[in-house]
Amino acid sequence: MAEYLNRIGAGLILLDAAPLSYDWVPPNVVGREEDQEHLAAMFASIATPGMSCRAVITGNVGSGKTVLSRAFADDLTRHLSGVRAIQSIHVNCRNHPTTSQVLQRIAKALDDRHPDRGFSASEVIQGIRRNLRTHNQHMLLILDEVDHLMRREGGDLLYQLLRIDEGRDEAGTLSLILISQEQVLDQLEGAVISRFGRSNHLALKPYSETQLAAIASQRAVLATRTGSVSEEILTLIGQASADTGDARVAIELLEAAVMRAEKGGFQEVAASHVQRDAVARGRVVEPSVVDELNQHEQMILLAICRRLRRDPEVTSGDAERLYHVVCEEYEVKPRGHTTFWKYLKILETRSLMESRTGTASAGRGRTQHITMPNSLPGQLENRLEHALKQ
């Protein structure tokens, strides 16, 4: 028997890989609640027959533009199901960068029997309008990465789509959402800009550390066994991806950590499973950085590394107690509490560790939780021990 195949589908940690995909649309959008409100305000009149709405969503890679727009379309369709029939269609213009390709995608989505060729752009557009009118539907068209289409063919297609009801008795056939990393309104002709309106621009900011941890948490809950990915691990993922503000990085770190733990036969994700990939894509601690630390800074960092080699984080109180143990090991008198705190801040400034304020595990009050999202504590520990022996 091929016993090695028993691992396939065993699911020590992973239950469903779909939520770990970039293209997966979550049941609710995390970290963009305020932006959802703004987008809804831009579409306030869409429930009224004969009305069309428009929006432009811009932001860096991984800022959630596609997830926000697709989830909005799904929510809007359900919300207006008894009022107006919404047919949402998403077209990625990176994959379909010409007018004919975009129109074919739309026409095929409405009618899979639509012929692949033989019609001009204006004929296809009017065919799309007839189809929607026949089925009493309103189309919400999302043109993702629309800058690829515009760089290649300009804004002519947008102008035609915005005029789809011109000269007709009925209006309100189509609403439009444009998605781009760039501010595409500046590239459009005045006639298109006037129809869109500059106030309909939603600029997404990069995700914060807390938002990235929340995104990782949502995916982990839906993809993995309960308790297999701790809150400390999710915080570590948020910290490791915070410098990018990119949700894709956080999702990638989560997926890689889960797969590494699963491959190793673990039932829980450990800090080292995250740190290896975080180090690969993040900052590297150069030997000179360790050498530039004074003796007590090195011993504090060594104490922290020894704990973080097995735990995702350590409190400042535990770190200070472990520092005293290291001082005893090297027969050095430890510095006072105030100096210890000063050295902690120096280590954080040098990006050798990160800290966040959280609730103390015992008793009341707040404490600092220390992590190393972009370093391998085991490797750093060896380097510090070598430096302290010299």
Protein backbone atom coordinates (compact mmCIF):
# COMPACT_ATOMS: atom_id res chain seq x y z
CA MET A 1 0.00 0.00 0.00
CA ALA A 2 1.14 3.57 -0.69
CA GLU A 3 0.96 4.77 2.91
CA TYR A 4 2.60 8.07 2.05
CA LEU A 5 -0.61 9.06 0.25
CA ASN A 6 -2.52 8.91 3.54
CA ARG A 7 -1.42 12.49 4.18
CA ILE A 8 -3.47 13.71 1.21
CA GLY A 9 -6.75 15.08 2.50
CA ALA A 10 -5.81 14.28 6.10
CA GLY A 11 -6.44 17.92 7.03
CA LEU A 12 -4.30 18.22 10.15
CA ILE A 13 -4.84 21.98 9.89
CA LEU A 14 -6.24 22.83 6.46
CA LEU A 15 -9.91 22.07 5.81
CA ASP A 16 -10.68 24.28 2.80
CA ALA A 17 -8.02 25.88 0.60
CA ALA A 18 -10.43 28.22 -1.22
CA PRO A 19 -10.34 31.06 1.39
CA LEU A 20 -6.54 31.16 1.03
CA SER A 21 -6.84 32.21 -2.63
CA TYR A 22 -6.48 35.85 -3.70
CA ASP A 23 -9.51 35.51 -6.00
CA TRP A 24 -11.84 34.22 -3.29
CA VAL A 25 -14.58 36.71 -2.37
CA PRO A 26 -15.30 36.59 1.40
CA PRO A 27 -18.86 36.59 2.77
CA ASN A 28 -18.16 40.00 4.30
CA VAL A 29 -15.40 42.52 3.61
CA VAL A 30 -12.96 43.08 6.48
CA GLY A 31 -11.13 46.36 6.99
CA ARG A 32 -13.11 48.38 4.41
CA GLU A 33 -16.30 49.12 6.33
CA GLU A 34 -15.98 52.91 5.93
CA ASP A 35 -15.19 52.55 2.23
CA GLN A 36 -18.28 50.35 1.80
CA GLU A 37 -20.35 53.19 3.24
CA HIS A 38 -18.83 55.67 0.76
CA LEU A 39 -19.44 53.32 -2.18
CA ALA A 40 -23.05 52.77 -1.11
CA ALA A 41 -23.53 56.56 -0.97
CA MET A 42 -22.35 56.83 -4.59
CA PHE A 43 -25.03 54.26 -5.53
CA ALA A 44 -27.79 55.76 -3.37
CA SER A 45 -30.16 56.22 -6.33
CA ILE A 46 -29.70 52.81 -7.97
CA ALA A 47 -32.92 51.44 -6.45
CA THR A 48 -34.88 53.91 -8.59
CA PRO A 49 -35.86 52.60 -12.05
CA GLY A 50 -34.28 54.61 -14.85
CA MET A 51 -31.29 55.65 -12.73
CA SER A 52 -27.63 54.68 -13.31
CA CYS A 53 -24.65 55.13 -10.97
CA ARG A 54 -20.90 55.28 -11.42
CA ALA A 55 -17.75 54.99 -9.32
CA VAL A 56 -13.99 54.88 -9.76
CA ILE A 57 -12.02 52.85 -7.18
CA THR A 58 -8.26 53.32 -7.00
CA GLY A 59 -5.56 52.00 -4.68
CA ASN A 60 -2.28 50.16 -4.48
CA VAL A 61 -1.85 46.47 -5.25
CA GLY A 62 -3.51 44.41 -2.54
CA SER A 63 -5.65 47.26 -1.18
CA GLY A 64 -8.87 45.29 -1.70
CA LYS A 65 -10.30 47.06 -4.76
CA THR A 66 -11.58 43.91 -6.46
CA VAL A 67 -12.90 42.25 -3.30
CA LEU A 68 -14.67 45.47 -2.28
CA SER A 69 -16.37 45.92 -5.67
CA ARG A 70 -17.38 42.28 -6.18
CA ALA A 71 -18.72 41.92 -2.63
CA PHE A 72 -20.61 45.21 -3.11
CA ALA A 73 -22.16 43.87 -6.33
CA ASP A 74 -23.24 40.64 -4.60
CA ASP A 75 -24.67 42.51 -1.60
CA LEU A 76 -26.46 45.02 -3.84
CA THR A 77 -28.02 42.26 -5.94
CA ARG A 78 -29.43 40.59 -2.83
CA HIS A 79 -30.50 43.87 -1.23
CA LEU A 80 -32.52 44.99 -4.29
CA SER A 81 -33.82 41.56 -5.27
CA GLY A 82 -37.44 42.59 -4.69
CA VAL A 83 -37.02 46.09 -6.11
CA ARG A 84 -34.74 45.93 -9.15
CA ALA A 85 -33.04 43.00 -10.87
CA ILE A 86 -29.27 43.66 -10.85
CA GLN A 87 -27.04 41.67 -13.22
CA SER A 88 -23.40 42.17 -12.14
CA ILE A 89 -20.57 41.38 -14.55
CA HIS A 90 -16.85 41.58 -13.73
CA VAL A 91 -14.29 41.92 -16.54
CA ASN A 92 -10.53 42.03 -15.92
CA CYS A 93 -9.08 44.33 -18.58
CA ARG A 94 -5.56 43.02 -18.03
CA ASN A 95 -6.75 39.69 -19.44
CA HIS A 96 -9.13 41.31 -21.95
CA PRO A 97 -7.45 44.60 -22.97
CA THR A 98 -9.41 45.44 -26.16
CA THR A 99 -12.88 46.83 -26.79
CA SER A 100 -14.00 43.74 -28.68
CA GLN A 101 -12.75 41.37 -25.94
CA VAL A 102 -14.50 43.34 -23.18
CA LEU A 103 -17.77 43.47 -25.11
CA GLN A 104 -17.59 39.76 -25.92
CA ARG A 105 -17.14 38.95 -22.22
CA ILE A 106 -20.21 41.02 -21.36
CA ALA A 107 -22.35 39.62 -24.17
CA LYS A 108 -21.34 36.01 -23.35
CA ALA A 109 -22.14 36.54 -19.66
CA LEU A 110 -25.66 37.63 -20.65
CA ASP A 111 -26.13 35.03 -23.38
CA ASP A 112 -23.68 32.16 -23.83
CA ARG A 113 -25.03 31.66 -27.37
CA HIS A 114 -23.76 35.06 -28.51
CA PRO A 115 -21.51 34.61 -31.59
CA ASP A 116 -17.79 35.27 -31.19
CA ARG A 117 -17.52 37.53 -34.26
CA GLY A 118 -19.45 39.28 -36.99
CA PHE A 119 -20.70 42.39 -35.16
CA SER A 120 -19.28 45.89 -34.69
CA ALA A 121 -18.77 47.37 -31.22
CA SER A 122 -21.90 49.54 -31.49
CA GLU A 123 -23.97 46.55 -32.62
CA VAL A 124 -22.77 44.45 -29.67
CA ILE A 125 -23.54 47.29 -27.25
CA GLN A 126 -27.08 47.63 -28.58
CA GLY A 127 -27.46 43.84 -28.41
CA ILE A 128 -26.43 43.99 -24.75
CA ARG A 129 -29.03 46.71 -24.17
CA ARG A 130 -31.78 44.70 -25.85
CA ASN A 131 -30.92 41.63 -23.77
CA LEU A 132 -31.08 43.60 -20.51
CA ARG A 133 -34.35 45.30 -21.49
CA THR A 134 -35.92 42.01 -22.55
CA HIS A 135 -35.15 40.45 -19.16
CA ASN A 136 -35.94 43.68 -17.28
CA GLN A 137 -32.44 43.76 -15.78
CA HIS A 138 -30.02 46.51 -14.82
CA MET A 139 -26.34 45.73 -15.35
CA LEU A 140 -23.64 46.65 -12.87
CA LEU A 141 -20.46 46.39 -14.93
CA ILE A 142 -17.11 46.25 -13.11
CA LEU A 143 -14.12 46.97 -15.34
CA ASP A 144 -11.10 45.84 -13.31
CA GLU A 145 -7.59 47.11 -14.13
CA VAL A 146 -9.26 49.38 -16.68
CA ASP A 147 -6.00 51.30 -17.20
CA HIS A 148 -4.80 48.42 -19.44
CA LEU A 149 -7.76 48.99 -21.75
CA MET A 150 -7.32 52.76 -21.74
CA ARG A 151 -3.60 52.68 -22.48
CA ARG A 152 -4.27 50.46 -25.46
CA GLU A 153 -7.47 51.94 -26.88
CA GLY A 154 -8.25 55.14 -24.97
CA GLY A 155 -11.62 55.93 -23.44
CA ASP A 156 -13.86 55.32 -26.45
CA LEU A 157 -15.54 52.20 -25.03
CA LEU A 158 -16.33 54.00 -21.77
CA TYR A 159 -17.88 56.85 -23.74
CA GLN A 160 -20.06 54.41 -25.71
CA LEU A 161 -21.17 52.56 -22.59
CA LEU A 162 -22.08 55.78 -20.83
CA ARG A 163 -24.22 56.75 -23.85
CA ILE A 164 -25.92 53.35 -24.13
CA ASP A 165 -29.38 54.87 -23.55
CA GLU A 166 -28.89 57.98 -25.68
CA GLY A 167 -31.75 58.50 -28.14
CA ARG A 168 -33.86 55.79 -26.48
CA ASP A 169 -37.16 56.07 -24.67
CA GLU A 170 -35.91 54.20 -21.58
CA ALA A 171 -32.85 55.01 -19.46
CA GLY A 172 -30.96 53.34 -16.62
CA THR A 173 -29.60 50.32 -18.47
CA LEU A 174 -26.11 50.23 -17.02
CA SER A 175 -24.12 51.29 -13.94
CA LEU A 176 -20.35 51.26 -14.02
CA ILE A 177 -17.45 50.74 -11.59
CA LEU A 178 -13.92 51.33 -12.84
CA ILE A 179 -11.00 49.85 -10.90
CA SER A 180 -7.39 50.93 -11.34
CA GLN A 181 -4.14 51.46 -9.46
CA GLU A 182 -4.00 54.88 -11.11
CA GLN A 183 -6.35 57.84 -11.03
CA VAL A 184 -7.86 57.10 -14.44
CA LEU A 185 -10.24 60.07 -14.48
CA ASP A 186 -7.29 62.32 -15.33
CA GLN A 187 -6.74 60.29 -18.52
CA LEU A 188 -10.32 60.62 -19.79
CA GLU A 189 -11.83 63.17 -22.13
CA GLY A 190 -13.93 65.94 -20.64
CA ALA A 191 -17.18 64.41 -21.94
CA VAL A 192 -16.50 61.15 -20.05
CA ILE A 193 -15.35 62.93 -16.88
CA SER A 194 -18.52 65.02 -16.81
CA ARG A 195 -20.67 61.87 -16.98
CA PHE A 196 -18.67 60.16 -14.24
CA GLY A 197 -18.26 63.07 -11.88
CA ARG A 198 -15.06 63.61 -9.93
CA SER A 199 -16.88 63.18 -6.63
CA ASN A 200 -17.43 59.51 -7.49
CA HIS A 201 -13.80 58.63 -6.82
CA LEU A 202 -13.02 56.26 -3.94
CA ALA A 203 -9.28 56.09 -3.11
CA LEU A 204 -8.37 53.13 -0.89
CA LYS A 205 -5.52 53.53 1.57
CA PRO A 206 -3.09 50.66 2.29
CA TYR A 207 -4.31 48.27 4.97
CA SER A 208 -3.06 48.79 8.52
CA GLU A 209 -1.42 46.11 10.65
CA THR A 210 -4.68 45.54 12.55
CA GLN A 211 -6.69 45.25 9.33
CA LEU A 212 -4.21 42.76 7.84
CA ALA A 213 -4.39 40.61 10.96
CA ALA A 214 -8.20 40.73 10.75
CA ILE A 215 -8.10 39.64 7.09
CA ALA A 216 -5.80 36.74 8.00
CA SER A 217 -8.14 35.85 10.88
CA GLN A 218 -11.19 35.76 8.61
CA ARG A 219 -9.43 33.47 6.14
CA ALA A 220 -8.02 31.23 8.88
CA VAL A 221 -11.42 30.73 10.51
CA LEU A 222 -12.91 29.59 7.21
CA ALA A 223 -9.93 27.57 5.96
CA THR A 224 -8.47 25.79 9.00
CA ARG A 225 -9.40 23.70 12.02
CA THR A 226 -10.56 25.62 15.07
CA GLY A 227 -7.64 26.51 17.33
CA SER A 228 -4.93 25.59 14.80
CA VAL A 229 -4.03 29.24 14.07
CA SER A 230 -3.79 31.31 17.27
CA GLU A 231 -4.45 35.02 17.70
CA GLU A 232 -0.72 35.49 18.35
CA ILE A 233 0.09 33.94 14.96
CA LEU A 234 -2.46 36.18 13.24
CA THR A 235 -0.95 39.24 14.94
CA LEU A 236 2.47 38.11 13.72
CA ILE A 237 1.15 37.89 10.15
CA GLY A 238 -0.33 41.38 10.45
CA GLN A 239 3.00 42.77 11.64
CA ALA A 240 4.99 40.94 8.97
CA SER A 241 2.86 42.36 6.15
CA ALA A 242 2.23 45.84 7.62
CA ASP A 243 5.12 47.49 5.77
CA THR A 244 3.37 46.73 2.46
CA GLY A 245 -0.25 47.35 3.43
CA ASP A 246 -0.95 44.54 0.94
CA ALA A 247 -3.65 41.99 1.84
CA ARG A 248 -2.17 39.55 -0.65
CA VAL A 249 1.05 39.41 1.38
CA ALA A 250 -0.88 38.62 4.57
CA ILE A 251 -2.90 35.90 2.79
CA GLU A 252 0.27 34.49 1.23
CA LEU A 253 2.02 34.35 4.62
CA LEU A 254 -0.99 32.59 6.15
CA GLU A 255 -1.20 30.06 3.33
CA ALA A 256 2.55 29.34 3.41
CA ALA A 257 2.53 28.95 7.20
CA VAL A 258 -0.44 26.58 7.12
CA MET A 259 1.13 24.50 4.34
CA ARG A 260 4.48 24.35 6.13
CA ALA A 261 2.84 23.24 9.38
CA GLU A 262 0.66 20.71 7.55
CA LYS A 263 3.67 19.30 5.70
CA GLY A 264 5.59 18.98 8.96
CA GLY A 265 2.79 17.03 10.61
CA PHE A 266 1.92 19.80 13.09
CA GLN A 267 -1.61 20.37 14.35
CA GLU A 268 -0.99 24.05 15.06
CA VAL A 269 0.82 26.79 13.16
CA ALA A 270 3.95 27.95 15.01
CA ALA A 271 5.74 31.30 14.83
CA SER A 272 8.62 29.75 12.86
CA HIS A 273 6.19 28.70 10.13
CA VAL A 274 5.38 32.39 9.56
CA GLN A 275 8.83 33.81 10.13
CA ARG A 276 10.61 31.80 7.45
CA ASP A 277 8.52 33.30 4.67
CA ALA A 278 8.45 36.72 6.31
CA VAL A 279 12.26 36.72 6.37
CA ALA A 280 12.41 35.60 2.74
CA ARG A 281 10.37 38.60 1.59
CA GLY A 282 11.31 41.09 4.31
CA ARG A 283 14.30 42.68 5.94
CA VAL A 284 17.46 40.72 6.73
CA VAL A 285 19.38 41.33 9.94
CA GLU A 286 22.96 41.99 8.97
CA PRO A 287 25.74 40.75 11.32
CA SER A 288 26.98 44.32 11.67
CA VAL A 289 23.67 45.35 13.26
CA VAL A 290 24.18 42.82 16.08
CA ASP A 291 27.83 43.81 16.48
CA GLU A 292 26.87 47.47 16.87
CA LEU A 293 24.70 46.72 19.93
CA ASN A 294 26.18 47.13 23.37
CA GLN A 295 26.48 44.11 25.67
CA HIS A 296 23.19 44.63 27.52
CA GLU A 297 21.25 45.27 24.30
CA GLN A 298 22.64 41.99 22.97
CA MET A 299 21.64 40.14 26.13
CA ILE A 300 18.11 41.57 26.08
CA LEU A 301 17.76 40.55 22.46
CA LEU A 302 19.15 37.09 23.25
CA ALA A 303 16.58 36.67 26.04
CA ILE A 304 13.78 37.63 23.67
CA CYS A 305 15.06 35.29 20.93
CA ARG A 306 15.14 32.32 23.29
CA ARG A 307 11.46 32.77 24.13
CA LEU A 308 10.35 33.59 20.58
CA ARG A 309 12.05 30.49 19.26
CA ARG A 310 9.06 28.54 20.64
CA ASP A 311 6.35 31.17 21.22
CA PRO A 312 4.86 33.77 18.83
CA GLU A 313 5.35 36.61 21.32
CA VAL A 314 6.72 37.51 24.74
CA THR A 315 5.54 40.19 27.17
CA SER A 316 7.93 42.94 28.25
CA GLY A 317 7.73 41.67 31.83
CA ASP A 318 8.79 38.17 30.83
CA ALA A 319 11.49 39.63 28.62
CA GLU A 320 12.96 41.53 31.55
CA ARG A 321 12.94 38.42 33.73
CA LEU A 322 14.62 36.41 30.97
CA TYR A 323 17.18 39.19 30.58
CA HIS A 324 18.11 38.76 34.26
CA VAL A 325 18.60 35.03 33.62
CA VAL A 326 20.93 35.79 30.72
CA CYS A 327 22.86 38.29 32.85
CA GLU A 328 23.34 35.59 35.48
CA GLU A 329 24.52 33.17 32.80
CA TYR A 330 27.17 35.63 31.60
CA GLU A 331 27.95 36.82 35.16
CA VAL A 332 26.99 40.41 34.41
CA LYS A 333 25.03 42.72 36.70
CA PRO A 334 21.68 43.59 35.02
CA ARG A 335 20.69 47.18 34.38
CA GLY A 336 17.70 48.78 36.05
CA HIS A 337 14.11 48.77 34.79
CA THR A 338 14.30 52.24 33.19
CA THR A 339 17.48 51.39 31.30
CA PHE A 340 15.97 48.07 30.23
CA TRP A 341 13.03 49.95 28.68
CA LYS A 342 15.37 52.36 26.93
CA TYR A 343 17.25 49.43 25.38
CA LEU A 344 13.98 47.83 24.27
CA LYS A 345 13.09 50.98 22.36
CA ILE A 346 16.54 51.04 20.74
CA LEU A 347 16.07 47.44 19.55
CA GLU A 348 12.68 48.33 18.12
CA THR A 349 14.05 51.42 16.38
CA ARG A 350 16.67 49.19 14.72
CA SER A 351 13.83 46.92 13.46
CA LEU A 352 15.17 43.96 15.47
CA MET A 353 11.78 43.48 17.14
CA GLU A 354 8.29 44.94 17.18
CA SER A 355 5.95 45.64 20.06
CA ARG A 356 2.27 46.32 20.57
CA THR A 357 0.31 47.33 23.65
CA GLY A 358 -2.15 44.71 24.83
CA THR A 359 -3.90 43.32 27.88
CA ALA A 360 -1.71 41.62 30.46
CA SER A 361 -2.21 37.85 30.64
CA ALA A 362 -2.39 37.93 34.44
CA GLY A 363 -4.25 40.55 36.44
CA ARG A 364 -5.36 43.92 35.15
CA GLY A 365 -3.57 46.56 33.18
CA ARG A 366 -1.71 46.79 29.89
CA THR A 367 1.65 45.46 28.80
CA GLN A 368 3.91 45.34 25.76
CA HIS A 369 3.84 42.23 23.58
CA ILE A 370 7.09 41.69 21.69
CA THR A 371 7.42 39.81 18.39
CA MET A 372 9.96 39.26 15.59
CA PRO A 373 7.87 39.00 12.42
CA ASN A 374 10.80 39.54 10.05
CA SER A 375 13.56 37.56 11.78
CA LEU A 376 14.30 33.95 12.67
CA PRO A 377 14.91 33.99 16.44
CA GLY A 378 16.92 30.74 16.32
CA GLN A 379 19.42 32.14 13.81
CA LEU A 380 19.64 35.46 15.61
CA GLU A 381 20.15 33.62 18.91
CA ASN A 382 23.22 31.83 17.54
CA ARG A 383 24.65 35.08 16.22
CA LEU A 384 24.15 36.81 19.58
CA GLU A 385 25.72 33.97 21.57
CA HIS A 386 28.74 34.10 19.29
CA ALA A 387 29.01 37.90 19.74
CA LEU A 388 28.72 37.68 23.55
CA LYS A 389 31.51 35.11 23.74
CA GLN A 390 33.98 37.42 22.07
